[in-house]
């Protein structure tokens, strides 16, 4: 079936194609009655504007689209980041294409290839653990790239992160101040930059108190709530189980909290806040980072690059904060 054109809409509404173009674009000078007739014709015919052709006619470079590539869009952290990017793009009249990688380099390449084939003007990228030299070719072709949440290996681009190491150290220092000396670390894949930074912060806090790291209390490669629950069960079974836990992202924290029972006397501090964390009993203390600020800052940098900013790559580090909730910790 032939797609309806602007001329078809003009004919159905009894106006000129130029009037249809102005009405669809929301430009001034179209009377409310005329705009209503055009809108009705658009709905009846199922007309969709071809922005690429429109930009070519108006000699506007680009496609008014950007790509956002994240680890897992089902994760509340990345969902909030995506929404903030979408809000920034909407203000620019730009569309956002979103894809998840599950931190798999091959899938990351596939998603990026699909986006660059659609000639996106730029990419906001949460890099996987793989290398990113393959991005140099699309960048040379004009695709702008900004990394968010993590830096990329072998890529000199703007990067927006948070103070992961310092935030993790504050969390563990808080547990140490509660009198804990056997503090377990539960983390995602160690190859992920944020996880290496948070593990380093964990070790920094222990070292500052003269406590050597106990490998039996460290659990890496936890990718789901069930992984976190299994790790907690293994820690419980140790001859000297931990009295406190530092969990390094919201998925792991939720898995641990869901597996804890009334008999467990263990304190928990998690990296990342999440909805209802303050409603748990007792309320959960967290290292809070702002995914909305991360997304908005990265989007601002990307649009600046798309608009022609050719200054040296920048590294922006946003601050986290420790939120201590409730009159005391579990077991305190």
C-alpha atoms as a PDB file:
ATOM      1  CA  UNK A   1       0.000   0.000   0.000  1.00  0.00           C
ATOM      2  CA  UNK A   2       1.346   3.423  -0.989  1.00  0.00           C
ATOM      3  CA  UNK A   3       2.316   5.672   1.917  1.00  0.00           C
ATOM      4  CA  UNK A   4       0.270   8.889   2.065  1.00  0.00           C
ATOM      5  CA  UNK A   5       2.146  12.031   1.088  1.00  0.00           C
ATOM      6  CA  UNK A   6       1.934  15.653   2.156  1.00  0.00           C
ATOM      7  CA  UNK A   7       0.019  16.353  -1.061  1.00  0.00           C
ATOM      8  CA  UNK A   8      -2.570  13.733  -0.065  1.00  0.00           C
ATOM      9  CA  UNK A   9      -3.020  15.427   3.305  1.00  0.00           C
ATOM     10  CA  UNK A  10      -3.307  18.847   1.638  1.00  0.00           C
ATOM     11  CA  UNK A  11      -5.967  17.544  -0.738  1.00  0.00           C
ATOM     12  CA  UNK A  12      -7.978  15.954   2.113  1.00  0.00           C
ATOM     13  CA  UNK A  13      -7.753  19.097   4.264  1.00  0.00           C
ATOM     14  CA  UNK A  14      -8.421  21.519   1.396  1.00  0.00           C
ATOM     15  CA  UNK A  15      -5.199  23.458   1.922  1.00  0.00           C
ATOM     16  CA  UNK A  16      -1.821  23.808   0.221  1.00  0.00           C
ATOM     17  CA  UNK A  17       1.124  21.438   0.893  1.00  0.00           C
ATOM     18  CA  UNK A  18       3.021  24.418   2.372  1.00  0.00           C
ATOM     19  CA  UNK A  19       0.224  24.931   4.920  1.00  0.00           C
ATOM     20  CA  UNK A  20       0.360  21.229   5.816  1.00  0.00           C
ATOM     21  CA  UNK A  21       4.138  21.500   6.323  1.00  0.00           C
ATOM     22  CA  UNK A  22       3.739  24.507   8.610  1.00  0.00           C
ATOM     23  CA  UNK A  23       0.908  22.890  10.586  1.00  0.00           C
ATOM     24  CA  UNK A  24       2.749  19.584  11.064  1.00  0.00           C
ATOM     25  CA  UNK A  25       5.912  21.421  12.147  1.00  0.00           C
ATOM     26  CA  UNK A  26       3.986  23.567  14.628  1.00  0.00           C
ATOM     27  CA  UNK A  27       5.077  26.793  12.954  1.00  0.00           C
ATOM     28  CA  UNK A  28       3.140  30.039  13.657  1.00  0.00           C
ATOM     29  CA  UNK A  29       0.674  31.575  11.228  1.00  0.00           C
ATOM     30  CA  UNK A  30      -1.719  28.625  10.869  1.00  0.00           C
ATOM     31  CA  UNK A  31      -5.240  29.321  12.143  1.00  0.00           C
ATOM     32  CA  UNK A  32      -6.671  26.908  14.752  1.00  0.00           C
ATOM     33  CA  UNK A  33      -9.412  25.802  12.349  1.00  0.00           C
ATOM     34  CA  UNK A  34      -6.941  25.024   9.565  1.00  0.00           C
ATOM     35  CA  UNK A  35      -4.616  23.210  11.971  1.00  0.00           C
ATOM     36  CA  UNK A  36      -7.539  21.083  13.165  1.00  0.00           C
ATOM     37  CA  UNK A  37      -8.447  20.097   9.567  1.00  0.00           C
ATOM     38  CA  UNK A  38      -4.828  19.162   8.845  1.00  0.00           C
ATOM     39  CA  UNK A  39      -4.595  17.138  12.051  1.00  0.00           C
ATOM     40  CA  UNK A  40      -7.806  15.264  11.190  1.00  0.00           C
ATOM     41  CA  UNK A  41      -6.503  14.483   7.680  1.00  0.00           C
ATOM     42  CA  UNK A  42      -3.170  13.297   9.091  1.00  0.00           C
ATOM     43  CA  UNK A  43      -4.969  10.883  11.442  1.00  0.00           C
ATOM     44  CA  UNK A  44      -7.356   9.594   8.794  1.00  0.00           C
ATOM     45  CA  UNK A  45      -4.630   8.957   6.223  1.00  0.00           C
ATOM     46  CA  UNK A  46      -1.980   7.757   8.671  1.00  0.00           C
ATOM     47  CA  UNK A  47       0.516  10.294   7.325  1.00  0.00           C
ATOM     48  CA  UNK A  48       4.052  10.304   8.783  1.00  0.00           C
ATOM     49  CA  UNK A  49       6.527  13.081   8.163  1.00  0.00           C
ATOM     50  CA  UNK A  50       9.869  12.117   6.527  1.00  0.00           C
ATOM     51  CA  UNK A  51      12.325  14.106   8.624  1.00  0.00           C
ATOM     52  CA  UNK A  52      15.368  13.028   6.601  1.00  0.00           C
ATOM     53  CA  UNK A  53      13.870  14.366   3.405  1.00  0.00           C
ATOM     54  CA  UNK A  54      12.701  17.471   5.249  1.00  0.00           C
ATOM     55  CA  UNK A  55      16.195  18.168   6.559  1.00  0.00           C
ATOM     56  CA  UNK A  56      17.670  17.711   3.088  1.00  0.00           C
ATOM     57  CA  UNK A  57      15.216  20.207   1.618  1.00  0.00           C
ATOM     58  CA  UNK A  58      16.011  22.697   4.373  1.00  0.00           C
ATOM     59  CA  UNK A  59      19.760  21.914   4.138  1.00  0.00           C
ATOM     60  CA  UNK A  60      19.842  20.863   7.785  1.00  0.00           C
ATOM     61  CA  UNK A  61      22.736  18.428   8.405  1.00  0.00           C
ATOM     62  CA  UNK A  62      22.171  15.178  10.274  1.00  0.00           C
ATOM     63  CA  UNK A  63      19.157  13.026  11.022  1.00  0.00           C
ATOM     64  CA  UNK A  64      18.009  14.541  14.334  1.00  0.00           C
ATOM     65  CA  UNK A  65      18.539  11.178  16.033  1.00  0.00           C
ATOM     66  CA  UNK A  66      21.031   9.958  18.628  1.00  0.00           C
ATOM     67  CA  UNK A  67      21.724   6.482  19.967  1.00  0.00           C
ATOM     68  CA  UNK A  68      21.884   5.524  23.642  1.00  0.00           C
ATOM     69  CA  UNK A  69      23.672   2.246  24.387  1.00  0.00           C
ATOM     70  CA  UNK A  70      23.371   0.959  27.972  1.00  0.00           C
ATOM     71  CA  UNK A  71      24.140  -2.256  29.858  1.00  0.00           C
ATOM     72  CA  UNK A  72      20.564  -3.231  30.727  1.00  0.00           C
ATOM     73  CA  UNK A  73      17.552  -0.972  30.209  1.00  0.00           C
ATOM     74  CA  UNK A  74      15.562  -3.112  32.670  1.00  0.00           C
ATOM     75  CA  UNK A  75      17.857  -1.853  35.431  1.00  0.00           C
ATOM     76  CA  UNK A  76      16.105   1.117  37.153  1.00  0.00           C
ATOM     77  CA  UNK A  77      19.379   3.080  37.126  1.00  0.00           C
ATOM     78  CA  UNK A  78      19.673   2.946  33.333  1.00  0.00           C
ATOM     79  CA  UNK A  79      15.950   3.486  32.853  1.00  0.00           C
ATOM     80  CA  UNK A  80      16.196   6.793  34.739  1.00  0.00           C
ATOM     81  CA  UNK A  81      19.300   7.749  32.779  1.00  0.00           C
ATOM     82  CA  UNK A  82      17.515   6.998  29.502  1.00  0.00           C
ATOM     83  CA  UNK A  83      14.548   9.142  30.491  1.00  0.00           C
ATOM     84  CA  UNK A  84      16.778  12.111  31.270  1.00  0.00           C
ATOM     85  CA  UNK A  85      18.553  11.722  27.905  1.00  0.00           C
ATOM     86  CA  UNK A  86      15.167  11.559  26.187  1.00  0.00           C
ATOM     87  CA  UNK A  87      14.067  14.758  27.952  1.00  0.00           C
ATOM     88  CA  UNK A  88      17.202  16.597  26.776  1.00  0.00           C
ATOM     89  CA  UNK A  89      16.754  15.275  23.242  1.00  0.00           C
ATOM     90  CA  UNK A  90      13.073  16.246  23.157  1.00  0.00           C
ATOM     91  CA  UNK A  91      14.016  19.846  23.902  1.00  0.00           C
ATOM     92  CA  UNK A  92      16.235  19.676  20.821  1.00  0.00           C
ATOM     93  CA  UNK A  93      13.593  18.096  18.593  1.00  0.00           C
ATOM     94  CA  UNK A  94      15.701  14.955  18.484  1.00  0.00           C
ATOM     95  CA  UNK A  95      14.745  11.269  18.670  1.00  0.00           C
ATOM     96  CA  UNK A  96      16.599   8.756  20.881  1.00  0.00           C
ATOM     97  CA  UNK A  97      17.210   5.157  19.817  1.00  0.00           C
ATOM     98  CA  UNK A  98      18.004   2.915  22.813  1.00  0.00           C
ATOM     99  CA  UNK A  99      19.720  -0.477  22.927  1.00  0.00           C
ATOM    100  CA  UNK A 100      21.020  -2.785  25.680  1.00  0.00           C
ATOM    101  CA  UNK A 101      24.269  -4.792  25.555  1.00  0.00           C
ATOM    102  CA  UNK A 102      24.126  -6.922  28.726  1.00  0.00           C
ATOM    103  CA  UNK A 103      27.800  -5.918  28.924  1.00  0.00           C
ATOM    104  CA  UNK A 104      28.622  -8.208  25.972  1.00  0.00           C
ATOM    105  CA  UNK A 105      31.161  -6.677  23.523  1.00  0.00           C
ATOM    106  CA  UNK A 106      29.721  -8.547  20.517  1.00  0.00           C
ATOM    107  CA  UNK A 107      26.195  -7.334  21.226  1.00  0.00           C
ATOM    108  CA  UNK A 108      27.550  -3.818  21.794  1.00  0.00           C
ATOM    109  CA  UNK A 109      29.102  -3.834  18.313  1.00  0.00           C
ATOM    110  CA  UNK A 110      25.829  -5.060  16.806  1.00  0.00           C
ATOM    111  CA  UNK A 111      23.771  -2.332  18.495  1.00  0.00           C
ATOM    112  CA  UNK A 112      26.227   0.397  17.528  1.00  0.00           C
ATOM    113  CA  UNK A 113      26.395  -0.899  13.944  1.00  0.00           C
ATOM    114  CA  UNK A 114      22.586  -0.762  13.741  1.00  0.00           C
ATOM    115  CA  UNK A 115      22.555   2.811  15.038  1.00  0.00           C
ATOM    116  CA  UNK A 116      25.362   4.058  12.787  1.00  0.00           C
ATOM    117  CA  UNK A 117      23.653   2.392   9.782  1.00  0.00           C
ATOM    118  CA  UNK A 118      20.716   4.663  10.573  1.00  0.00           C
ATOM    119  CA  UNK A 119      23.132   7.598  10.514  1.00  0.00           C
ATOM    120  CA  UNK A 120      22.549   8.807  14.049  1.00  0.00           C
ATOM    121  CA  UNK A 121      24.173  12.157  14.725  1.00  0.00           C
ATOM    122  CA  UNK A 122      25.809  10.897  17.909  1.00  0.00           C
ATOM    123  CA  UNK A 123      26.128   8.078  20.428  1.00  0.00           C
ATOM    124  CA  UNK A 124      25.845   8.090  24.207  1.00  0.00           C
ATOM    125  CA  UNK A 125      27.632   4.949  25.285  1.00  0.00           C
ATOM    126  CA  UNK A 126      27.889   2.953  28.515  1.00  0.00           C
ATOM    127  CA  UNK A 127      30.933   0.952  27.371  1.00  0.00           C
ATOM    128  CA  UNK A 128      31.281  -2.801  27.812  1.00  0.00           C
ATOM    129  CA  UNK A 129      34.442  -4.461  29.111  1.00  0.00           C
ATOM    130  CA  UNK A 130      35.793  -4.825  25.537  1.00  0.00           C
ATOM    131  CA  UNK A 131      37.958  -2.451  23.511  1.00  0.00           C
ATOM    132  CA  UNK A 132      36.442   0.368  21.468  1.00  0.00           C
ATOM    133  CA  UNK A 133      38.911   1.065  18.710  1.00  0.00           C
ATOM    134  CA  UNK A 134      36.189   0.010  16.233  1.00  0.00           C
ATOM    135  CA  UNK A 135      34.413   3.310  16.939  1.00  0.00           C
ATOM    136  CA  UNK A 136      37.184   5.384  15.372  1.00  0.00           C
ATOM    137  CA  UNK A 137      35.861   4.775  11.859  1.00  0.00           C
ATOM    138  CA  UNK A 138      32.289   6.055  12.491  1.00  0.00           C
ATOM    139  CA  UNK A 139      33.770   8.938  14.484  1.00  0.00           C
ATOM    140  CA  UNK A 140      35.947   9.879  11.506  1.00  0.00           C
ATOM    141  CA  UNK A 141      32.740   9.812   9.469  1.00  0.00           C
ATOM    142  CA  UNK A 142      31.199  12.446  11.741  1.00  0.00           C
ATOM    143  CA  UNK A 143      29.413  10.448  14.454  1.00  0.00           C
ATOM    144  CA  UNK A 144      29.996  12.124  17.822  1.00  0.00           C
ATOM    145  CA  UNK A 145      30.504   9.889  20.865  1.00  0.00           C
ATOM    146  CA  UNK A 146      30.235  10.578  24.600  1.00  0.00           C
ATOM    147  CA  UNK A 147      30.788   7.878  27.240  1.00  0.00           C
ATOM    148  CA  UNK A 148      28.622   7.851  30.347  1.00  0.00           C
ATOM    149  CA  UNK A 149      28.956   5.908  33.621  1.00  0.00           C
ATOM    150  CA  UNK A 150      32.270   4.366  32.466  1.00  0.00           C
ATOM    151  CA  UNK A 151      35.222   5.362  30.268  1.00  0.00           C
ATOM    152  CA  UNK A 152      36.019   3.362  27.116  1.00  0.00           C
ATOM    153  CA  UNK A 153      39.338   1.713  26.369  1.00  0.00           C
ATOM    154  CA  UNK A 154      41.328   3.355  23.603  1.00  0.00           C
ATOM    155  CA  UNK A 155      38.844   6.143  22.960  1.00  0.00           C
ATOM    156  CA  UNK A 156      39.561   9.848  23.509  1.00  0.00           C
ATOM    157  CA  UNK A 157      36.052  11.244  23.988  1.00  0.00           C
ATOM    158  CA  UNK A 158      34.062  13.158  26.606  1.00  0.00           C
ATOM    159  CA  UNK A 159      33.270  10.978  29.611  1.00  0.00           C
ATOM    160  CA  UNK A 160      30.799  11.500  32.476  1.00  0.00           C
ATOM    161  CA  UNK A 161      31.232   9.303  35.576  1.00  0.00           C
ATOM    162  CA  UNK A 162      30.780   9.507  39.362  1.00  0.00           C
ATOM    163  CA  UNK A 163      33.303   9.236  42.213  1.00  0.00           C
ATOM    164  CA  UNK A 164      32.871   5.459  42.471  1.00  0.00           C
ATOM    165  CA  UNK A 165      36.013   4.754  44.510  1.00  0.00           C
ATOM    166  CA  UNK A 166      35.427   7.527  47.042  1.00  0.00           C
ATOM    167  CA  UNK A 167      31.742   6.643  47.361  1.00  0.00           C
ATOM    168  CA  UNK A 168      32.503   2.985  48.050  1.00  0.00           C
ATOM    169  CA  UNK A 169      35.130   3.933  50.603  1.00  0.00           C
ATOM    170  CA  UNK A 170      32.632   6.128  52.477  1.00  0.00           C
ATOM    171  CA  UNK A 171      30.136   3.244  52.568  1.00  0.00           C
ATOM    172  CA  UNK A 172      32.631   0.783  54.054  1.00  0.00           C
ATOM    173  CA  UNK A 173      33.989   3.365  56.497  1.00  0.00           C
ATOM    174  CA  UNK A 174      30.417   3.793  57.735  1.00  0.00           C
ATOM    175  CA  UNK A 175      30.159   0.061  58.409  1.00  0.00           C
ATOM    176  CA  UNK A 176      33.552   0.058  60.118  1.00  0.00           C
ATOM    177  CA  UNK A 177      32.345   2.906  62.338  1.00  0.00           C
ATOM    178  CA  UNK A 178      29.465   0.652  63.413  1.00  0.00           C
ATOM    179  CA  UNK A 179      32.063  -1.780  64.801  1.00  0.00           C
ATOM    180  CA  UNK A 180      32.111  -4.260  61.911  1.00  0.00           C
ATOM    181  CA  UNK A 181      35.398  -5.855  60.897  1.00  0.00           C
ATOM    182  CA  UNK A 182      34.098  -8.718  58.736  1.00  0.00           C
ATOM    183  CA  UNK A 183      32.516  -6.840  55.849  1.00  0.00           C
ATOM    184  CA  UNK A 184      31.684  -8.758  52.683  1.00  0.00           C
ATOM    185  CA  UNK A 185      31.919  -7.302  49.191  1.00  0.00           C
ATOM    186  CA  UNK A 186      29.270  -8.351  46.639  1.00  0.00           C
ATOM    187  CA  UNK A 187      29.946  -7.035  43.141  1.00  0.00           C
ATOM    188  CA  UNK A 188      29.190  -7.343  39.454  1.00  0.00           C
ATOM    189  CA  UNK A 189      31.795  -8.434  36.872  1.00  0.00           C
ATOM    190  CA  UNK A 190      35.231  -7.314  37.992  1.00  0.00           C
ATOM    191  CA  UNK A 191      36.108  -6.338  34.422  1.00  0.00           C
ATOM    192  CA  UNK A 192      33.556  -3.503  34.535  1.00  0.00           C
ATOM    193  CA  UNK A 193      35.347  -0.240  35.333  1.00  0.00           C
ATOM    194  CA  UNK A 194      32.824   0.935  37.930  1.00  0.00           C
ATOM    195  CA  UNK A 195      33.125  -2.380  39.766  1.00  0.00           C
ATOM    196  CA  UNK A 196      36.926  -2.223  39.855  1.00  0.00           C
ATOM    197  CA  UNK A 197      36.678   1.291  41.253  1.00  0.00           C
ATOM    198  CA  UNK A 198      34.169   0.280  43.928  1.00  0.00           C
ATOM    199  CA  UNK A 199      36.238  -2.742  44.923  1.00  0.00           C
ATOM    200  CA  UNK A 200      39.262  -0.451  45.215  1.00  0.00           C
ATOM    201  CA  UNK A 201      37.254   1.834  47.520  1.00  0.00           C
ATOM    202  CA  UNK A 202      36.277  -1.173  49.638  1.00  0.00           C
ATOM    203  CA  UNK A 203      39.931  -2.138  49.983  1.00  0.00           C
ATOM    204  CA  UNK A 204      40.957   1.470  50.732  1.00  0.00           C
ATOM    205  CA  UNK A 205      38.568   1.640  53.694  1.00  0.00           C
ATOM    206  CA  UNK A 206      39.736  -1.693  55.120  1.00  0.00           C
ATOM    207  CA  UNK A 207      43.417  -0.754  54.707  1.00  0.00           C
ATOM    208  CA  UNK A 208      42.865   2.574  56.456  1.00  0.00           C
ATOM    209  CA  UNK A 209      41.674   0.588  59.497  1.00  0.00           C
ATOM    210  CA  UNK A 210      44.501  -1.944  59.296  1.00  0.00           C
ATOM    211  CA  UNK A 211      42.187  -4.764  58.208  1.00  0.00           C
ATOM    212  CA  UNK A 212      43.501  -7.104  55.489  1.00  0.00           C
ATOM    213  CA  UNK A 213      41.064  -8.094  52.754  1.00  0.00           C
ATOM    214  CA  UNK A 214      39.689 -11.608  53.262  1.00  0.00           C
ATOM    215  CA  UNK A 215      39.194 -13.256  49.820  1.00  0.00           C
ATOM    216  CA  UNK A 216      36.490 -15.485  51.335  1.00  0.00           C
ATOM    217  CA  UNK A 217      34.345 -12.382  51.873  1.00  0.00           C
ATOM    218  CA  UNK A 218      34.635 -11.124  48.283  1.00  0.00           C
ATOM    219  CA  UNK A 219      32.112 -12.177  45.630  1.00  0.00           C
ATOM    220  CA  UNK A 220      32.428 -10.931  42.024  1.00  0.00           C
ATOM    221  CA  UNK A 221      30.441 -11.657  38.824  1.00  0.00           C
ATOM    222  CA  UNK A 222      26.955 -11.283  40.324  1.00  0.00           C
ATOM    223  CA  UNK A 223      24.682 -10.336  37.419  1.00  0.00           C
ATOM    224  CA  UNK A 224      21.213 -10.893  38.866  1.00  0.00           C
ATOM    225  CA  UNK A 225      19.166 -10.943  42.054  1.00  0.00           C
ATOM    226  CA  UNK A 226      19.410 -14.731  42.123  1.00  0.00           C
ATOM    227  CA  UNK A 227      23.207 -14.523  41.841  1.00  0.00           C
ATOM    228  CA  UNK A 228      23.220 -12.149  44.815  1.00  0.00           C
ATOM    229  CA  UNK A 229      20.965 -14.426  46.869  1.00  0.00           C
ATOM    230  CA  UNK A 230      23.237 -17.417  46.120  1.00  0.00           C
ATOM    231  CA  UNK A 231      26.303 -15.412  47.136  1.00  0.00           C
ATOM    232  CA  UNK A 232      24.613 -14.474  50.426  1.00  0.00           C
ATOM    233  CA  UNK A 233      23.867 -18.150  51.119  1.00  0.00           C
ATOM    234  CA  UNK A 234      27.520 -19.040  50.536  1.00  0.00           C
ATOM    235  CA  UNK A 235      28.672 -16.252  52.862  1.00  0.00           C
ATOM    236  CA  UNK A 236      26.263 -17.429  55.565  1.00  0.00           C
ATOM    237  CA  UNK A 237      27.850 -20.895  55.405  1.00  0.00           C
ATOM    238  CA  UNK A 238      31.376 -19.645  56.140  1.00  0.00           C
ATOM    239  CA  UNK A 239      32.957 -20.619  59.485  1.00  0.00           C
ATOM    240  CA  UNK A 240      33.251 -16.893  60.158  1.00  0.00           C
ATOM    241  CA  UNK A 241      30.360 -15.281  58.280  1.00  0.00           C
ATOM    242  CA  UNK A 242      30.315 -11.528  57.658  1.00  0.00           C
ATOM    243  CA  UNK A 243      28.477  -9.190  59.999  1.00  0.00           C
ATOM    244  CA  UNK A 244      28.013  -6.557  57.291  1.00  0.00           C
ATOM    245  CA  UNK A 245      27.662  -6.395  53.510  1.00  0.00           C
ATOM    246  CA  UNK A 246      28.671  -3.825  50.927  1.00  0.00           C
ATOM    247  CA  UNK A 247      26.633  -4.382  47.741  1.00  0.00           C
ATOM    248  CA  UNK A 248      27.827  -2.568  44.645  1.00  0.00           C
ATOM    249  CA  UNK A 249      24.687  -1.931  42.584  1.00  0.00           C
ATOM    250  CA  UNK A 250      20.924  -1.814  42.973  1.00  0.00           C
ATOM    251  CA  UNK A 251      20.269  -5.239  41.406  1.00  0.00           C
ATOM    252  CA  UNK A 252      22.664  -6.963  43.834  1.00  0.00           C
ATOM    253  CA  UNK A 253      21.276  -4.985  46.768  1.00  0.00           C
ATOM    254  CA  UNK A 254      17.691  -5.950  45.951  1.00  0.00           C
ATOM    255  CA  UNK A 255      18.713  -9.597  45.593  1.00  0.00           C
ATOM    256  CA  UNK A 256      20.406  -9.545  48.991  1.00  0.00           C
ATOM    257  CA  UNK A 257      17.580  -7.714  50.747  1.00  0.00           C
ATOM    258  CA  UNK A 258      15.048 -10.128  49.313  1.00  0.00           C
ATOM    259  CA  UNK A 259      17.044 -13.091  50.644  1.00  0.00           C
ATOM    260  CA  UNK A 260      17.634 -11.758  54.159  1.00  0.00           C
ATOM    261  CA  UNK A 261      15.364 -13.135  56.844  1.00  0.00           C
ATOM    262  CA  UNK A 262      14.413 -11.979  60.368  1.00  0.00           C
ATOM    263  CA  UNK A 263      17.143 -14.161  61.860  1.00  0.00           C
ATOM    264  CA  UNK A 264      19.902 -12.480  59.860  1.00  0.00           C
ATOM    265  CA  UNK A 265      21.866 -10.027  61.988  1.00  0.00           C
ATOM    266  CA  UNK A 266      23.812  -8.250  59.290  1.00  0.00           C
ATOM    267  CA  UNK A 267      24.124  -4.614  58.257  1.00  0.00           C
ATOM    268  CA  UNK A 268      23.927  -3.638  54.575  1.00  0.00           C
ATOM    269  CA  UNK A 269      25.023  -0.554  52.668  1.00  0.00           C
ATOM    270  CA  UNK A 270      24.334  -0.543  48.927  1.00  0.00           C
ATOM    271  CA  UNK A 271      25.751   1.476  46.054  1.00  0.00           C
ATOM    272  CA  UNK A 272      22.768   3.038  44.193  1.00  0.00           C
ATOM    273  CA  UNK A 273      19.499   4.149  45.677  1.00  0.00           C
ATOM    274  CA  UNK A 274      16.247   2.692  44.369  1.00  0.00           C
ATOM    275  CA  UNK A 275      12.488   3.141  44.934  1.00  0.00           C
ATOM    276  CA  UNK A 276      11.232   1.955  48.336  1.00  0.00           C
ATOM    277  CA  UNK A 277      14.758   1.534  49.750  1.00  0.00           C
ATOM    278  CA  UNK A 278      13.675   3.919  52.507  1.00  0.00           C
ATOM    279  CA  UNK A 279      10.589   1.770  53.214  1.00  0.00           C
ATOM    280  CA  UNK A 280      12.503  -1.392  54.056  1.00  0.00           C
ATOM    281  CA  UNK A 281      12.700  -2.489  57.676  1.00  0.00           C
ATOM    282  CA  UNK A 282      15.097  -1.149  58.706  1.00  0.00           C
ATOM    283  CA  UNK A 283      15.498   1.461  55.931  1.00  0.00           C
ATOM    284  CA  UNK A 284      18.500   0.776  53.722  1.00  0.00           C
ATOM    285  CA  UNK A 285      21.542   3.047  53.795  1.00  0.00           C
ATOM    286  CA  UNK A 286      22.969   3.714  50.344  1.00  0.00           C
ATOM    287  CA  UNK A 287      25.609   5.509  48.340  1.00  0.00           C
ATOM    288  CA  UNK A 288      23.387   7.606  46.112  1.00  0.00           C
ATOM    289  CA  UNK A 289      24.374   8.655  42.617  1.00  0.00           C
ATOM    290  CA  UNK A 290      22.136  10.620  40.295  1.00  0.00           C
ATOM    291  CA  UNK A 291      21.382   8.811  37.000  1.00  0.00           C
ATOM    292  CA  UNK A 292      19.290  11.763  35.854  1.00  0.00           C
ATOM    293  CA  UNK A 293      22.243  14.139  36.232  1.00  0.00           C
ATOM    294  CA  UNK A 294      24.535  11.621  34.535  1.00  0.00           C
ATOM    295  CA  UNK A 295      22.251  11.314  31.530  1.00  0.00           C
ATOM    296  CA  UNK A 296      21.516  15.026  31.245  1.00  0.00           C
ATOM    297  CA  UNK A 297      25.191  16.003  31.548  1.00  0.00           C
ATOM    298  CA  UNK A 298      26.262  13.450  28.943  1.00  0.00           C
ATOM    299  CA  UNK A 299      23.472  14.498  26.571  1.00  0.00           C
ATOM    300  CA  UNK A 300      24.441  18.160  26.944  1.00  0.00           C
ATOM    301  CA  UNK A 301      28.054  17.323  26.041  1.00  0.00           C
ATOM    302  CA  UNK A 302      26.951  15.227  23.058  1.00  0.00           C
ATOM    303  CA  UNK A 303      24.709  17.941  21.625  1.00  0.00           C
ATOM    304  CA  UNK A 304      27.536  20.431  22.124  1.00  0.00           C
ATOM    305  CA  UNK A 305      29.783  18.184  20.017  1.00  0.00           C
ATOM    306  CA  UNK A 306      27.068  17.738  17.375  1.00  0.00           C
ATOM    307  CA  UNK A 307      26.751  21.536  17.212  1.00  0.00           C
ATOM    308  CA  UNK A 308      30.436  21.868  16.382  1.00  0.00           C
ATOM    309  CA  UNK A 309      32.421  21.956  19.640  1.00  0.00           C
ATOM    310  CA  UNK A 310      35.876  20.588  18.770  1.00  0.00           C
ATOM    311  CA  UNK A 311      37.694  21.323  22.051  1.00  0.00           C
ATOM    312  CA  UNK A 312      39.777  18.673  23.825  1.00  0.00           C
ATOM    313  CA  UNK A 313      37.855  15.725  25.364  1.00  0.00           C
ATOM    314  CA  UNK A 314      36.568  16.393  28.871  1.00  0.00           C
ATOM    315  CA  UNK A 315      36.207  14.126  31.887  1.00  0.00           C
ATOM    316  CA  UNK A 316      33.342  15.123  34.189  1.00  0.00           C
ATOM    317  CA  UNK A 317      33.109  13.429  37.596  1.00  0.00           C
ATOM    318  CA  UNK A 318      29.863  13.879  39.528  1.00  0.00           C
ATOM    319  CA  UNK A 319      29.707  13.421  43.295  1.00  0.00           C
ATOM    320  CA  UNK A 320      27.893  10.706  45.210  1.00  0.00           C
ATOM    321  CA  UNK A 321      26.561  10.976  48.742  1.00  0.00           C
ATOM    322  CA  UNK A 322      26.099   8.516  51.576  1.00  0.00           C
ATOM    323  CA  UNK A 323      22.510   8.415  52.809  1.00  0.00           C
ATOM    324  CA  UNK A 324      22.249   6.874  56.287  1.00  0.00           C
ATOM    325  CA  UNK A 325      18.667   5.892  57.010  1.00  0.00           C
ATOM    326  CA  UNK A 326      16.875   4.767  60.135  1.00  0.00           C
ATOM    327  CA  UNK A 327      17.842   4.944  63.817  1.00  0.00           C
ATOM    328  CA  UNK A 328      20.393   2.173  63.352  1.00  0.00           C
ATOM    329  CA  UNK A 329      21.541  -0.631  61.158  1.00  0.00           C
ATOM    330  CA  UNK A 330      20.342  -4.224  61.165  1.00  0.00           C
ATOM    331  CA  UNK A 331      22.117  -5.968  64.021  1.00  0.00           C
ATOM    332  CA  UNK A 332      23.437  -2.711  65.515  1.00  0.00           C
END
